[in-house]
Protein backbone atom coordinates (compact mmCIF):
# COMPACT_ATOMS: atom_id res chain seq x y z
CA MET A 1 -4.99 1.74 9.39
CA ILE A 2 -4.25 4.72 7.02
CA SER A 3 -6.86 7.27 7.21
CA GLY A 4 -7.10 9.95 4.79
CA ASP A 5 -5.32 12.76 7.11
CA ASP A 6 -2.69 10.11 6.93
CA ILE A 7 -2.24 10.69 2.84
CA GLU A 8 -3.15 14.22 3.51
CA ALA A 9 0.14 14.74 5.90
CA PHE A 10 2.60 12.97 3.68
CA SER A 11 1.27 14.14 0.20
CA ASP A 12 4.64 16.39 0.03
CA ASP A 13 6.63 13.48 0.51
CA LEU A 14 4.56 11.05 -2.06
CA ALA A 15 4.87 14.16 -4.91
CA THR A 16 8.93 14.01 -3.79
CA ALA A 17 8.92 10.39 -4.57
CA ASP A 18 7.12 10.61 -7.99
CA SER A 19 9.61 13.56 -9.21
CA ILE A 20 12.16 10.95 -8.09
CA VAL A 21 10.48 8.30 -10.09
CA ASP A 22 10.11 10.81 -13.24
CA ARG A 23 13.83 11.39 -12.86
CA ALA A 24 14.72 8.31 -12.71
CA LYS A 25 12.29 7.60 -15.70
CA ALA A 26 13.98 10.42 -17.51
CA GLY A 27 17.51 8.41 -17.44
CA THR A 28 19.30 10.92 -15.10
CA THR A 29 23.39 10.68 -14.49
CA PRO A 30 23.91 7.66 -12.06
CA PHE A 31 23.70 8.37 -8.68
CA ARG A 32 21.64 11.22 -9.18
CA HIS A 33 18.46 10.02 -8.78
CA ILE A 34 17.79 11.60 -5.22
CA ARG A 35 18.73 14.70 -3.41
CA ALA A 36 20.12 15.38 0.13
CA ASN A 37 16.86 16.65 0.58
CA GLU A 38 14.61 14.12 -0.65
CA GLU A 39 15.81 11.44 0.92
CA LEU A 40 13.33 11.45 4.27
CA PRO A 41 10.54 12.35 2.08
CA LEU A 42 11.27 9.52 0.02
CA ILE A 43 11.90 7.23 3.29
CA ARG A 44 8.08 8.19 4.74
CA ALA A 45 6.29 7.74 1.73
CA TYR A 46 7.87 4.42 1.22
CA VAL A 47 6.53 3.77 4.64
CA LEU A 48 3.23 5.22 3.78
CA MET A 49 2.99 2.74 0.51
CA LYS A 50 4.11 -0.73 2.32
CA ASP A 51 1.76 0.28 5.25
CA ALA A 52 -1.56 0.46 2.79
CA ALA A 53 -0.18 -2.64 0.68
CA GLU A 54 0.00 -4.52 3.68
CA THR A 55 -3.54 -2.98 4.65
CA ALA A 56 -4.31 -3.85 1.63
CA ALA A 57 -2.94 -7.30 1.57
CA LYS A 58 -4.98 -8.72 4.84
CA ASP A 59 -7.89 -7.13 3.64
CA LEU A 60 -8.12 -8.97 0.49
CA LEU A 61 -7.13 -12.18 2.26
CA GLU A 62 -10.01 -11.67 5.06
CA HIS A 63 -12.37 -10.89 1.78
CA GLN A 64 -11.55 -13.63 0.10
CA GLN A 65 -11.56 -16.43 3.07
CA SER A 66 -15.31 -14.40 3.50
CA VAL A 67 -16.22 -15.46 -0.19
CA ILE A 68 -14.52 -18.90 0.02
CA ASP A 69 -16.78 -19.76 3.60
CA SER A 70 -20.45 -18.23 2.21
CA MET A 71 -19.57 -20.80 -0.77
CA GLY A 72 -19.78 -23.24 2.03
CA CYS A 73 -22.92 -26.21 2.87
CA PHE A 74 -24.47 -25.93 5.73
CA ASP A 75 -26.80 -27.33 7.60
CA ARG A 76 -30.05 -26.03 9.20
CA ASN A 77 -27.75 -25.63 12.24
CA ASN A 78 -25.65 -23.11 10.19
CA LYS A 79 -23.26 -25.85 10.54
CA ARG A 80 -20.70 -26.58 7.86
CA THR A 81 -21.16 -30.28 6.55
CA GLY A 82 -18.41 -29.92 3.76
């Protein structure tokens, strides 16, 4: 799970990734989207964002299941009836 400290530690990497995307949007010369010194920061930003997406997907799946469970029918012994 990503903490606020993790995000703060990678803020420069995320800013680098943003500048790479901005350069690509602007239509830079082919094969000039990323500079050599931006390669590792981009990889670190990717890993951070991938972890965030995986965590969010897991949390959403758990939330969805809890919502489904909460709408079920239970008897007075708290056992599902349907």
